[in-house]
Amino acid sequence: MTPAELAEVVLSAAHAVFTDRGLDSSALPAQTVVERPRNPEHGDYASTLALQLSKKVGVPPRELATALAEQLGRAPGIKSVEIAGPGFLNIRLDAAAAGQLAKVIVEAGPEYGRSDTLAGQKINLEFVSANPTGPVHIGGVRWAAVGDALSRLLRATGADVGTEYYFNDAGSQIDRFARSLLAAAKGEPAPEDGYGGAYIAEIATEVRNRRPDVLERDDAAAQEVFRVEGVQLMFEEIKSSLRDFGVEFDTYFNEKDLHDRGELDQALARLREQGHVFESDGATWLRTTDFGDDKDRVLRKSNGEWTYFAADCAYYLDKRERGFDRVVIMLGADHHGYIGRMKAMAACFGDDPERNLEILIGQLVNLVRDGAPVRMSKRAGTVVTLEDLVDAIGVDASRYALARYSSDSPIDIDVELWTRATRDNPVYYVQYVAARTASVGRNAAEVGLTRGDAADFHAELLSHEKENELLKALAEFPAVVASAAELRGPHQVARYLERLAGAYHRFYDNCRILPRGDEEVTDLHRARLWLNDATRVVIANGLRLLGVSAPERM
């Protein structure tokens, strides 16, 4: 019996109680929730339904809980129901009902854990969005791992998600990048405010290979060639490295398109219509202080140039006009000050900033080797890049390590820990269960052990304490996925997988799955093989949500 099925049983019992007592059934919720009690000794599941309904129907909670417990006790699959405190219901399933979950999971396969809890939401999820002036640094890699995992979670819970990478190929940073390339091509030192690192020389050389005559032009013309060609080369490299990391975007959005299509003018016109634009000192301003910003923001400077904030406004409006009702933007730790102005901007457009715009801030990441932070990249010079991280610990470990912690917490990634083939390495600990469950399946086939037909599955035989513990852990998965999506926390999935791995290891150590020697294959062996295979399904489904592989061998 799954938690959702048990919740339906609880509601059915409540309907029966209300009918018997002549209570108003409209007070009953459309759905209820059963959850794991904090103390496993209290039962398999707990329900607070009696407490929720007591005031609505004027019946003391413990009296209502008593009636519910009596009704539930007659339901198939319920072993016992106890009343705790003011009216909590602690429910125990019989072994057959609990064990049926293994069959449910195996038959559902990749669909187990998916739901429609966020169905109807159309979400634009923007992450990474590093300017194409250098390789993706480790902070951006964190958003690549977390953002991609979050997109998978949102889709797994029914949301319509569009992932997006926004890149800026105009502005002062790109000018500095172009000047740095030109200087490298000439064999000159990088400009004082320019970019260093071996990658600059590599790109400059490639631009010269593409455009052999570039240095025959005057500096202004040559710089423009390096800007156009260099940005294209750098962005191709960024996309390639992200693709190798398992991250691809539905849309790569170019800021220049906003300017070329006149979308900044359109955004300004819309904001004027809303009455929040004013002129001062020759510049055009947005009165964001009307909506809690610490100061008003310039949209167009007195010299006629647009500001970055004006592009932010146009880009937000573009997303909304593409039909996204929620815009989620992931930004680095140094962008915390953007939250107030962006929320105010959404309000200036007439949107609800709490419903239509969500900004997530990610904290810093350090790569640590021998107890000390790795400060410099061999190639980028001043930062640790995506390639540096992958070279150090691999793609799977990188993605898992970055998604394992709440994004609002700074993290240190210890190279020694994340490359260790031991149980204290979290990704190894989880992937080892994936490999072990696959190995059990292969070994079972060799001795002629198969699960058999689902109709012949004897779920009631899964009565061992460690089997029950594992079944409880497997049952949590759908709720974990729903919570991780709703709270934007892929780390919940990683931590759950580690708990599940521990439950499986204890089951494996205490409950023999395969027959020994000439021992006859029994229904218990088959039932345990169902449970083994159910575990592999959930481990694989959870790792897939994090963009991490579930190996069959290690």
Protein backbone atom coordinates (compact mmCIF):
# COMPACT_ATOMS: atom_id res chain seq x y z
CA MET A 1 0.00 0.00 0.00
CA THR A 2 1.43 3.36 -1.01
CA PRO A 3 1.06 6.49 1.16
CA ALA A 4 -1.42 7.87 -1.40
CA GLU A 5 -3.50 4.69 -1.20
CA LEU A 6 -3.45 4.77 2.60
CA ALA A 7 -4.52 8.44 2.55
CA GLU A 8 -7.55 7.39 0.48
CA VAL A 9 -8.35 4.67 3.03
CA VAL A 10 -8.17 7.25 5.84
CA LEU A 11 -10.51 9.60 3.98
CA SER A 12 -12.90 6.73 3.25
CA ALA A 13 -12.96 5.89 6.96
CA ALA A 14 -13.65 9.55 7.76
CA HIS A 15 -16.60 9.55 5.32
CA ALA A 16 -18.01 6.48 7.06
CA VAL A 17 -17.63 8.10 10.50
CA PHE A 18 -19.31 11.31 9.34
CA THR A 19 -22.18 9.35 7.81
CA ASP A 20 -22.71 7.29 10.98
CA ARG A 21 -22.72 10.41 13.16
CA GLY A 22 -24.73 12.62 10.85
CA LEU A 23 -21.88 15.11 10.52
CA ASP A 24 -21.50 17.55 7.63
CA SER A 25 -19.33 15.74 5.07
CA SER A 26 -18.52 19.03 3.31
CA ALA A 27 -16.02 19.61 6.12
CA LEU A 28 -13.94 16.72 4.79
CA PRO A 29 -10.92 17.70 2.68
CA ALA A 30 -10.64 16.56 -0.93
CA GLN A 31 -7.40 14.84 0.04
CA THR A 32 -5.36 14.27 3.14
CA VAL A 33 -1.79 13.40 3.97
CA VAL A 34 -0.28 10.54 5.91
CA GLU A 35 3.33 10.86 6.95
CA ARG A 36 6.03 8.96 8.69
CA PRO A 37 6.03 9.39 12.48
CA ARG A 38 9.26 10.83 13.85
CA ASN A 39 9.69 7.77 16.04
CA PRO A 40 9.44 4.54 13.96
CA GLU A 41 8.23 2.71 17.08
CA HIS A 42 4.98 4.68 16.85
CA GLY A 43 3.96 2.91 13.65
CA ASP A 44 4.31 2.97 9.90
CA TYR A 45 2.28 6.13 9.26
CA ALA A 46 0.62 8.96 11.18
CA SER A 47 -2.41 11.11 10.41
CA THR A 48 -3.58 14.38 11.98
CA LEU A 49 -6.98 14.31 10.25
CA ALA A 50 -8.93 14.14 13.54
CA LEU A 51 -7.14 17.25 14.79
CA GLN A 52 -7.81 19.08 11.51
CA LEU A 53 -11.54 18.30 11.53
CA SER A 54 -12.34 18.65 15.22
CA LYS A 55 -13.17 22.36 15.33
CA LYS A 56 -15.03 22.27 12.04
CA VAL A 57 -17.52 19.67 13.25
CA GLY A 58 -17.55 20.43 16.97
CA VAL A 59 -16.33 17.02 18.11
CA PRO A 60 -13.39 16.69 20.55
CA PRO A 61 -10.31 15.54 18.59
CA ARG A 62 -9.67 12.45 20.68
CA GLU A 63 -13.30 11.36 20.39
CA LEU A 64 -13.14 11.81 16.63
CA ALA A 65 -9.79 10.00 16.51
CA THR A 66 -11.31 7.07 18.42
CA ALA A 67 -14.13 6.75 15.89
CA LEU A 68 -11.65 6.97 13.00
CA ALA A 69 -9.40 4.37 14.58
CA GLU A 70 -12.29 1.92 14.98
CA GLN A 71 -13.31 2.40 11.35
CA LEU A 72 -9.73 2.14 10.05
CA GLY A 73 -9.15 -1.02 12.06
CA ARG A 74 -11.70 -2.78 9.86
CA ALA A 75 -10.00 -1.74 6.61
CA PRO A 76 -8.03 -4.35 4.63
CA GLY A 77 -4.27 -3.97 5.04
CA ILE A 78 -4.44 -2.14 8.36
CA LYS A 79 -2.84 -4.11 11.16
CA SER A 80 -3.54 -1.66 13.99
CA VAL A 81 -4.36 1.96 14.77
CA GLU A 82 -3.33 3.70 17.99
CA ILE A 83 -4.37 7.10 19.29
CA ALA A 84 -1.62 9.33 20.63
CA GLY A 85 -1.68 12.68 22.37
CA PRO A 86 -4.69 14.88 21.67
CA GLY A 87 -5.77 12.89 18.62
CA PHE A 88 -2.90 11.69 16.45
CA LEU A 89 -3.50 8.43 14.63
CA ASN A 90 -0.55 6.05 14.45
CA ILE A 91 -1.18 3.40 11.81
CA ARG A 92 0.52 0.07 11.25
CA LEU A 93 0.09 -1.88 8.02
CA ASP A 94 0.10 -5.63 7.85
CA ALA A 95 3.04 -7.22 6.04
CA ALA A 96 1.06 -7.98 2.90
CA ALA A 97 -0.15 -4.39 2.49
CA ALA A 98 3.30 -2.96 3.21
CA GLY A 99 5.05 -5.39 0.90
CA GLN A 100 2.78 -4.66 -2.07
CA LEU A 101 4.72 -1.43 -2.52
CA ALA A 102 7.63 -3.39 -4.00
CA LYS A 103 5.40 -4.60 -6.84
CA VAL A 104 3.93 -1.12 -7.34
CA ILE A 105 7.41 0.36 -7.74
CA VAL A 106 8.75 -2.29 -10.11
CA GLU A 107 5.68 -2.07 -12.32
CA ALA A 108 5.78 1.76 -12.34
CA GLY A 109 9.49 1.83 -13.20
CA PRO A 110 10.66 5.32 -14.25
CA GLU A 111 7.21 6.74 -13.44
CA TYR A 112 7.48 5.97 -9.72
CA GLY A 113 7.90 9.25 -7.86
CA ARG A 114 6.35 11.40 -10.58
CA SER A 115 3.18 13.35 -9.85
CA ASP A 116 1.02 16.22 -11.07
CA THR A 117 1.40 18.38 -7.97
CA LEU A 118 2.67 21.34 -10.05
CA ALA A 119 0.51 20.65 -13.10
CA GLY A 120 -0.74 23.81 -14.77
CA GLN A 121 2.33 25.87 -13.87
CA LYS A 122 4.38 27.21 -16.77
CA ILE A 123 7.82 28.06 -15.44
CA ASN A 124 10.79 29.73 -17.10
CA LEU A 125 13.95 28.61 -15.31
CA GLU A 126 17.08 30.64 -16.04
CA PHE A 127 20.41 29.53 -14.65
CA VAL A 128 24.18 29.81 -15.22
CA SER A 129 23.89 32.76 -17.70
CA ALA A 130 27.61 33.52 -17.48
CA ASN A 131 28.89 36.19 -19.84
CA PRO A 132 30.94 34.68 -22.69
CA THR A 133 34.19 36.24 -21.49
CA GLY A 134 35.72 33.06 -20.07
CA PRO A 135 35.07 29.43 -19.13
CA VAL A 136 32.26 28.61 -16.66
CA HIS A 137 33.70 29.08 -13.17
CA ILE A 138 32.88 26.87 -10.20
CA GLY A 139 30.08 29.14 -8.96
CA GLY A 140 28.37 28.85 -12.33
CA VAL A 141 28.92 25.11 -12.26
CA ARG A 142 26.94 24.94 -9.04
CA TRP A 143 23.99 26.54 -10.79
CA ALA A 144 24.43 24.19 -13.74
CA ALA A 145 24.07 21.18 -11.43
CA VAL A 146 21.33 22.61 -9.22
CA GLY A 147 19.41 24.29 -12.03
CA ASP A 148 19.38 21.21 -14.23
CA ALA A 149 18.30 19.02 -11.29
CA LEU A 150 15.57 21.51 -10.42
CA SER A 151 14.27 21.50 -13.99
CA ARG A 152 14.04 17.69 -13.81
CA LEU A 153 12.21 17.89 -10.48
CA LEU A 154 9.73 20.47 -11.73
CA ARG A 155 8.96 18.38 -14.79
CA ALA A 156 8.63 15.26 -12.65
CA THR A 157 5.90 17.01 -10.66
CA GLY A 158 3.92 18.14 -13.69
CA ALA A 159 5.17 21.67 -14.38
CA ASP A 160 5.70 22.91 -17.95
CA VAL A 161 9.31 24.08 -17.77
CA GLY A 162 11.48 26.01 -20.20
CA THR A 163 15.17 26.22 -19.31
CA GLU A 164 17.07 29.25 -20.47
CA TYR A 165 20.61 30.59 -20.70
CA TYR A 166 20.90 34.37 -21.13
CA PHE A 167 24.13 35.71 -22.53
CA ASN A 168 25.39 39.20 -23.02
CA ASP A 169 27.45 39.86 -26.12
CA ALA A 170 27.47 43.62 -25.66
CA GLY A 171 28.59 46.04 -23.00
CA SER A 172 31.80 46.91 -21.17
CA GLN A 173 32.76 43.36 -20.17
CA ILE A 174 32.66 42.24 -23.80
CA ASP A 175 34.71 45.29 -24.81
CA ARG A 176 37.36 44.31 -22.23
CA PHE A 177 37.27 40.75 -23.56
CA ALA A 178 37.80 41.96 -27.14
CA ARG A 179 40.68 44.24 -26.12
CA SER A 180 42.28 41.33 -24.25
CA LEU A 181 42.07 39.12 -27.33
CA LEU A 182 43.55 41.82 -29.53
CA ALA A 183 46.42 42.35 -27.10
CA ALA A 184 47.13 38.60 -26.96
CA ALA A 185 47.11 38.38 -30.75
CA LYS A 186 49.68 41.17 -30.90
CA GLY A 187 51.81 39.55 -28.21
CA GLU A 188 51.15 42.45 -25.84
CA PRO A 189 50.26 42.26 -22.12
CA ALA A 190 46.57 42.15 -21.27
CA PRO A 191 44.96 45.56 -20.64
CA GLU A 192 44.91 46.61 -17.00
CA ASP A 193 41.17 45.91 -16.75
CA GLY A 194 41.30 42.97 -19.17
CA TYR A 195 41.15 39.20 -18.92
CA GLY A 196 44.11 36.90 -18.43
CA GLY A 197 44.64 33.17 -18.60
CA ALA A 198 45.76 30.75 -21.28
CA TYR A 199 42.27 30.59 -22.76
CA ILE A 200 42.60 34.19 -24.01
CA ALA A 201 45.68 33.29 -26.05
CA GLU A 202 43.96 30.14 -27.34
CA ILE A 203 40.92 32.05 -28.56
CA ALA A 204 43.03 34.85 -30.03
CA THR A 205 44.97 32.26 -32.01
CA GLU A 206 41.78 30.62 -33.26
CA VAL A 207 40.36 34.00 -34.35
CA ARG A 208 43.55 34.65 -36.33
CA ASN A 209 43.23 31.21 -37.92
CA ARG A 210 39.68 32.07 -38.97
CA ARG A 211 40.49 35.63 -40.01
CA PRO A 212 44.16 35.72 -41.08
CA ASP A 213 43.95 39.38 -42.07
CA VAL A 214 42.60 40.62 -38.74
CA LEU A 215 45.82 42.30 -37.59
CA GLU A 216 46.12 44.16 -40.88
CA ARG A 217 43.12 46.27 -39.86
CA ASP A 218 43.22 49.32 -37.62
CA ASP A 219 42.74 48.61 -33.92
CA ALA A 220 39.05 49.55 -33.84
CA ALA A 221 38.18 47.28 -36.75
CA ALA A 222 40.40 44.47 -35.44
CA GLN A 223 38.84 44.74 -31.99
CA GLU A 224 35.37 44.37 -33.53
CA VAL A 225 36.47 41.20 -35.32
CA PHE A 226 37.86 39.80 -32.08
CA ARG A 227 34.63 40.75 -30.30
CA VAL A 228 32.33 38.99 -32.76
CA GLU A 229 34.51 35.95 -33.42
CA GLY A 230 35.80 35.67 -29.86
CA VAL A 231 32.36 35.76 -28.28
CA GLN A 232 31.14 33.10 -30.70
CA LEU A 233 34.10 30.85 -29.94
CA MET A 234 33.83 31.35 -26.20
CA PHE A 235 30.12 30.68 -26.16
CA GLU A 236 30.53 27.55 -28.30
CA GLU A 237 33.05 26.34 -25.73
CA ILE A 238 30.71 27.16 -22.83
CA LYS A 239 27.85 25.25 -24.46
CA SER A 240 30.13 22.32 -25.22
CA SER A 241 31.47 22.08 -21.67
CA LEU A 242 27.94 22.31 -20.22
CA ARG A 243 26.78 19.63 -22.67
CA ASP A 244 29.61 17.37 -21.51
CA PHE A 245 28.39 18.07 -17.97
CA GLY A 246 24.94 16.80 -18.95
CA VAL A 247 23.30 20.24 -19.12
CA GLU A 248 21.54 21.56 -22.22
CA PHE A 249 19.09 24.43 -22.39
CA ASP A 250 15.82 24.73 -24.26
CA THR A 251 16.68 28.32 -25.16
CA TYR A 252 19.92 30.26 -25.47
CA PHE A 253 18.81 33.88 -25.34
CA ASN A 254 20.99 36.65 -26.72
CA GLU A 255 20.71 40.05 -25.05
CA LYS A 256 21.57 41.69 -28.36
CA ASP A 257 18.26 40.41 -29.75
CA LEU A 258 16.40 42.56 -27.23
CA HIS A 259 18.09 45.65 -28.66
CA ASP A 260 17.77 44.60 -32.30
CA ARG A 261 14.04 43.82 -31.97
CA GLY A 262 13.26 47.06 -30.15
CA GLU A 263 12.15 45.24 -27.02
CA LEU A 264 13.72 47.77 -24.67
CA ASP A 265 11.53 50.48 -26.21
CA GLN A 266 8.50 48.22 -25.87
CA ALA A 267 9.29 47.56 -22.21
CA LEU A 268 9.73 51.27 -21.57
CA ALA A 269 6.39 51.99 -23.23
CA ARG A 270 4.65 49.36 -21.08
CA LEU A 271 6.18 50.80 -17.91
CA ARG A 272 5.07 54.30 -18.95
CA GLU A 273 1.53 52.99 -19.40
CA GLN A 274 1.67 51.67 -15.85
CA GLY A 275 2.65 55.16 -14.64
CA HIS A 276 6.01 54.37 -13.06
CA VAL A 277 8.44 56.13 -15.44
CA PHE A 278 9.76 59.68 -14.90
CA GLU A 279 12.46 61.95 -16.33
CA SER A 280 15.17 63.58 -14.23
CA ASP A 281 18.54 65.14 -15.07
CA GLY A 282 18.11 64.18 -18.72
CA ALA A 283 17.77 60.47 -17.85
CA THR A 284 14.75 58.17 -17.86
CA TRP A 285 13.97 56.48 -14.54
CA LEU A 286 11.73 53.75 -13.14
CA ARG A 287 10.17 54.59 -9.79
CA THR A 288 10.91 51.24 -8.14
CA THR A 289 10.80 52.81 -4.68
CA ASP A 290 7.01 52.66 -4.98
CA PHE A 291 7.41 48.92 -4.48
CA GLY A 292 10.03 48.69 -1.77
CA ASP A 293 13.30 49.17 -3.70
CA ASP A 294 15.94 51.18 -1.85
CA LYS A 295 16.28 53.66 -4.73
CA ASP A 296 14.80 54.40 -8.14
CA ARG A 297 16.56 52.89 -11.16
CA VAL A 298 17.83 54.49 -14.37
CA LEU A 299 16.53 52.91 -17.57
CA ARG A 300 18.17 55.26 -20.05
CA LYS A 301 21.14 57.47 -19.32
CA SER A 302 21.28 61.15 -20.23
CA ASN A 303 23.53 60.25 -23.20
CA GLY A 304 20.79 57.99 -24.59
CA GLU A 305 22.43 54.68 -23.66
CA TRP A 306 20.32 51.94 -22.17
CA THR A 307 21.29 50.54 -18.78
CA TYR A 308 21.67 46.86 -17.90
CA PHE A 309 18.55 47.22 -15.79
CA ALA A 310 16.57 48.30 -18.86
CA ALA A 311 17.63 45.07 -20.55
CA ASP A 312 16.57 43.15 -17.42
CA CYS A 313 13.12 44.76 -17.71
CA ALA A 314 12.81 43.90 -21.40
CA TYR A 315 13.99 40.36 -20.84
CA TYR A 316 11.49 39.79 -18.02
CA LEU A 317 8.68 41.14 -20.18
CA ASP A 318 9.79 38.93 -23.07
CA LYS A 319 9.51 35.84 -20.85
CA ARG A 320 6.09 36.80 -19.60
CA GLU A 321 4.84 37.46 -23.13
CA ARG A 322 6.08 34.01 -24.16
CA GLY A 323 3.46 32.64 -21.79
CA PHE A 324 5.49 31.85 -18.68
CA ASP A 325 3.47 32.64 -15.59
CA ARG A 326 6.42 32.16 -13.24
CA VAL A 327 9.94 33.40 -13.95
CA VAL A 328 12.63 31.75 -11.83
CA ILE A 329 16.15 33.21 -11.97
CA MET A 330 19.19 31.70 -10.30
CA LEU A 331 21.90 34.20 -9.39
CA GLY A 332 25.25 34.10 -7.62
CA ALA A 333 25.97 35.28 -4.09
CA ASP A 334 27.15 38.69 -5.33
CA HIS A 335 23.70 39.42 -6.81
CA HIS A 336 21.71 39.53 -3.58
CA GLY A 337 21.06 43.23 -4.13
CA TYR A 338 19.18 42.40 -7.34
CA ILE A 339 16.25 40.87 -5.51
CA GLY A 340 14.66 44.13 -4.38
CA ARG A 341 14.97 45.92 -7.71
CA MET A 342 13.79 42.91 -9.73
CA LYS A 343 10.76 42.33 -7.51
CA ALA A 344 9.92 46.03 -7.75
CA MET A 345 10.34 45.90 -11.54
CA ALA A 346 7.82 43.04 -11.77
CA ALA A 347 5.38 45.07 -9.70
CA CYS A 348 5.91 48.08 -12.00
CA PHE A 349 4.73 45.90 -14.90
CA GLY A 350 1.56 45.18 -12.93
CA ASP A 351 2.60 41.65 -11.96
CA ASP A 352 2.50 40.03 -8.55
CA PRO A 353 6.20 39.75 -7.69
CA GLU A 354 5.53 36.93 -5.23
CA ARG A 355 3.69 34.84 -7.81
CA ASN A 356 5.32 35.80 -11.10
CA LEU A 357 8.99 36.21 -10.16
CA GLU A 358 11.25 34.07 -8.02
CA ILE A 359 14.94 34.72 -7.48
CA LEU A 360 17.24 32.08 -5.98
CA ILE A 361 20.65 33.05 -4.66
CA GLY A 362 23.49 30.51 -4.60
CA GLN A 363 26.40 30.76 -2.22
CA LEU A 364 30.09 30.25 -2.89
CA VAL A 365 31.84 26.99 -3.71
CA ASN A 366 35.46 26.11 -3.01
CA LEU A 367 37.40 23.20 -4.42
CA VAL A 368 39.66 21.91 -1.66
CA ARG A 369 42.75 19.75 -2.03
CA ASP A 370 44.93 18.65 0.92
CA GLY A 371 42.87 20.85 3.22
CA ALA A 372 43.49 24.06 1.27
CA PRO A 373 41.28 25.78 -1.31
CA VAL A 374 42.34 25.43 -4.93
CA ARG A 375 42.59 29.05 -5.98
CA MET A 376 43.66 29.08 -9.59
CA SER A 377 42.89 27.22 -12.77
CA LYS A 378 45.64 25.95 -15.01
CA ARG A 379 43.81 27.46 -17.96
CA ALA A 380 41.69 30.34 -16.70
CA GLY A 381 44.30 31.67 -14.33
CA THR A 382 42.17 33.35 -11.67
CA VAL A 383 39.23 31.00 -11.12
CA VAL A 384 38.47 27.30 -10.87
CA THR A 385 36.42 26.22 -13.89
CA LEU A 386 33.94 23.50 -14.77
CA GLU A 387 36.69 21.53 -16.49
CA ASP A 388 38.93 21.83 -13.42
CA LEU A 389 36.21 20.38 -11.19
CA VAL A 390 35.38 17.54 -13.59
CA ASP A 391 39.06 16.72 -14.07
CA ALA A 392 39.44 16.54 -10.30
CA ILE A 393 36.44 14.38 -9.32
CA GLY A 394 34.42 13.48 -12.45
CA VAL A 395 30.99 14.48 -13.75
CA ASP A 396 28.84 12.28 -11.50
CA ALA A 397 30.62 13.27 -8.30
CA SER A 398 30.63 16.95 -9.35
CA ARG A 399 26.89 17.01 -10.02
CA TYR A 400 26.06 15.09 -6.87
CA ALA A 401 28.36 17.16 -4.65
CA LEU A 402 26.96 20.45 -5.95
CA ALA A 403 23.32 19.34 -5.66
CA ARG A 404 23.73 17.69 -2.25
CA TYR A 405 23.68 20.92 -0.27
CA SER A 406 21.08 23.64 -0.05
CA SER A 407 22.10 26.28 -2.57
CA ASP A 408 21.98 29.01 0.09
CA SER A 409 24.87 27.34 1.96
CA PRO A 410 28.55 27.79 1.05
CA ILE A 411 30.29 24.47 0.36
CA ASP A 412 33.79 23.06 0.15
CA ILE A 413 34.30 20.16 -2.26
CA ASP A 414 37.12 17.99 -0.95
CA VAL A 415 38.88 16.31 -3.88
CA GLU A 416 40.16 13.45 -1.71
CA LEU A 417 36.69 12.67 -0.29
CA TRP A 418 34.80 12.80 -3.60
CA THR A 419 37.25 10.52 -5.41
CA ARG A 420 37.38 7.92 -2.64
CA ALA A 421 35.82 4.51 -3.38
CA THR A 422 34.48 4.14 0.16
CA ARG A 423 31.17 4.56 1.93
CA ASP A 424 32.11 7.98 3.31
CA ASN A 425 31.96 9.30 -0.27
CA PRO A 426 28.22 10.07 -0.62
CA VAL A 427 27.95 9.53 -4.38
CA TYR A 428 29.87 6.25 -4.16
CA TYR A 429 27.64 5.15 -1.26
CA VAL A 430 24.49 5.69 -3.34
CA GLN A 431 25.84 4.44 -6.67
CA TYR A 432 27.13 1.31 -4.95
CA VAL A 433 23.51 0.39 -4.16
CA ALA A 434 22.62 0.85 -7.82
CA ALA A 435 25.44 -1.48 -8.78
CA ARG A 436 24.74 -3.98 -6.00
CA THR A 437 21.03 -4.28 -6.85
CA ALA A 438 21.97 -4.86 -10.50
CA SER A 439 24.53 -7.45 -9.46
CA VAL A 440 21.92 -9.27 -7.37
CA GLY A 441 19.67 -9.37 -10.44
CA ARG A 442 22.44 -10.87 -12.58
CA ASN A 443 23.36 -13.44 -9.94
CA ALA A 444 19.70 -14.36 -9.46
CA ALA A 445 19.34 -15.10 -13.15
CA GLU A 446 22.38 -17.35 -13.02
CA VAL A 447 20.79 -19.55 -10.30
CA GLY A 448 17.38 -19.57 -11.92
CA LEU A 449 15.76 -17.11 -9.52
CA THR A 450 13.24 -14.74 -11.12
CA ARG A 451 10.54 -12.54 -9.61
CA GLY A 452 7.83 -14.59 -11.31
CA ASP A 453 4.38 -13.30 -12.20
CA ALA A 454 3.09 -10.35 -10.24
CA ALA A 455 -0.01 -12.37 -9.37
CA ASP A 456 2.22 -14.88 -7.55
CA PHE A 457 4.07 -12.23 -5.50
CA HIS A 458 3.78 -13.09 -1.78
CA ALA A 459 4.10 -9.65 -0.24
CA GLU A 460 3.13 -10.97 3.20
CA LEU A 461 6.50 -12.77 3.40
CA LEU A 462 8.34 -9.41 3.62
CA SER A 463 7.88 -9.28 7.38
CA HIS A 464 11.48 -8.90 8.58
CA GLU A 465 12.27 -5.71 10.46
CA LYS A 466 14.85 -4.64 7.86
CA GLU A 467 12.46 -5.39 5.00
CA ASN A 468 9.87 -3.16 6.64
CA GLU A 469 12.45 -0.42 7.16
CA LEU A 470 13.40 -0.54 3.49
CA LEU A 471 9.77 -0.51 2.36
CA LYS A 472 9.14 2.56 4.51
CA ALA A 473 12.10 4.32 2.92
CA LEU A 474 10.93 3.42 -0.60
CA ALA A 475 7.46 4.76 0.18
CA GLU A 476 8.88 8.20 1.02
CA PHE A 477 10.23 8.86 -2.47
CA PRO A 478 7.16 10.49 -4.11
CA ALA A 479 6.75 12.92 -1.20
CA VAL A 480 10.47 13.76 -1.28
CA VAL A 481 10.30 14.55 -5.00
CA ALA A 482 7.22 16.74 -4.54
CA SER A 483 8.79 18.62 -1.62
CA ALA A 484 12.13 19.08 -3.41
CA ALA A 485 10.34 20.59 -6.42
CA GLU A 486 8.05 22.83 -4.37
CA LEU A 487 10.88 24.10 -2.13
CA ARG A 488 13.46 24.28 -4.96
CA GLY A 489 15.71 21.89 -3.06
CA PRO A 490 17.36 19.12 -5.10
CA HIS A 491 19.52 18.45 -2.04
CA GLN A 492 16.49 16.78 -0.45
CA VAL A 493 16.67 14.06 -3.10
CA ALA A 494 20.40 13.46 -2.51
CA ARG A 495 19.96 13.19 1.25
CA TYR A 496 16.99 10.87 0.79
CA LEU A 497 19.01 8.60 -1.51
CA GLU A 498 21.67 8.30 1.17
CA ARG A 499 19.05 7.28 3.74
CA LEU A 500 17.62 4.78 1.27
CA ALA A 501 21.09 3.39 0.57
CA GLY A 502 21.59 2.83 4.28
CA ALA A 503 18.25 1.01 4.55
CA TYR A 504 19.15 -1.21 1.60
CA HIS A 505 22.56 -2.11 2.99
CA ARG A 506 20.94 -3.14 6.30
CA PHE A 507 18.35 -5.21 4.42
CA TYR A 508 21.05 -6.86 2.30
CA ASP A 509 23.16 -7.70 5.36
CA ASN A 510 20.22 -9.25 7.27
CA CYS A 511 17.93 -10.77 4.64
CA ARG A 512 19.49 -13.22 2.20
CA ILE A 513 18.06 -12.74 -1.30
CA LEU A 514 19.76 -15.56 -3.21
CA PRO A 515 19.50 -19.26 -2.30
CA ARG A 516 22.67 -20.89 -0.99
CA GLY A 517 24.23 -23.78 -2.90
CA ASP A 518 21.58 -26.36 -3.76
CA GLU A 519 18.94 -24.63 -1.67
CA GLU A 520 15.54 -24.62 -3.35
CA VAL A 521 14.21 -21.30 -4.64
CA THR A 522 11.30 -20.24 -2.44
CA ASP A 523 8.59 -17.60 -2.53
CA LEU A 524 10.59 -15.64 0.05
CA HIS A 525 13.57 -15.45 -2.31
CA ARG A 526 11.25 -14.20 -5.04
CA ALA A 527 9.64 -11.63 -2.75
CA ARG A 528 13.02 -10.32 -1.70
CA LEU A 529 14.07 -10.07 -5.34
CA TRP A 530 11.01 -7.86 -5.93
CA LEU A 531 12.19 -5.67 -3.06
CA ASN A 532 15.76 -5.60 -4.41
CA ASP A 533 14.55 -4.57 -7.86
CA ALA A 534 12.21 -1.95 -6.40
CA THR A 535 15.20 -0.41 -4.66
CA ARG A 536 17.14 -0.24 -7.92
CA VAL A 537 14.18 1.51 -9.57
CA VAL A 538 14.04 4.19 -6.88
CA ILE A 539 17.81 4.69 -6.70
CA ALA A 540 17.93 5.07 -10.49
CA ASN A 541 14.94 7.42 -10.54
CA GLY A 542 16.45 9.59 -7.82
CA LEU A 543 19.89 9.75 -9.39
CA ARG A 544 18.31 10.58 -12.75
CA LEU A 545 16.65 13.61 -11.15
CA LEU A 546 20.13 14.79 -10.13
CA GLY A 547 21.60 14.05 -13.55
CA VAL A 548 23.80 11.32 -12.08
CA SER A 549 24.23 7.82 -13.51
CA ALA A 550 23.03 4.61 -11.81
CA PRO A 551 25.82 2.18 -12.77
CA GLU A 552 25.22 -1.53 -13.11
CA ARG A 553 28.82 -2.29 -12.19
CA MET A 554 31.45 -0.50 -10.11
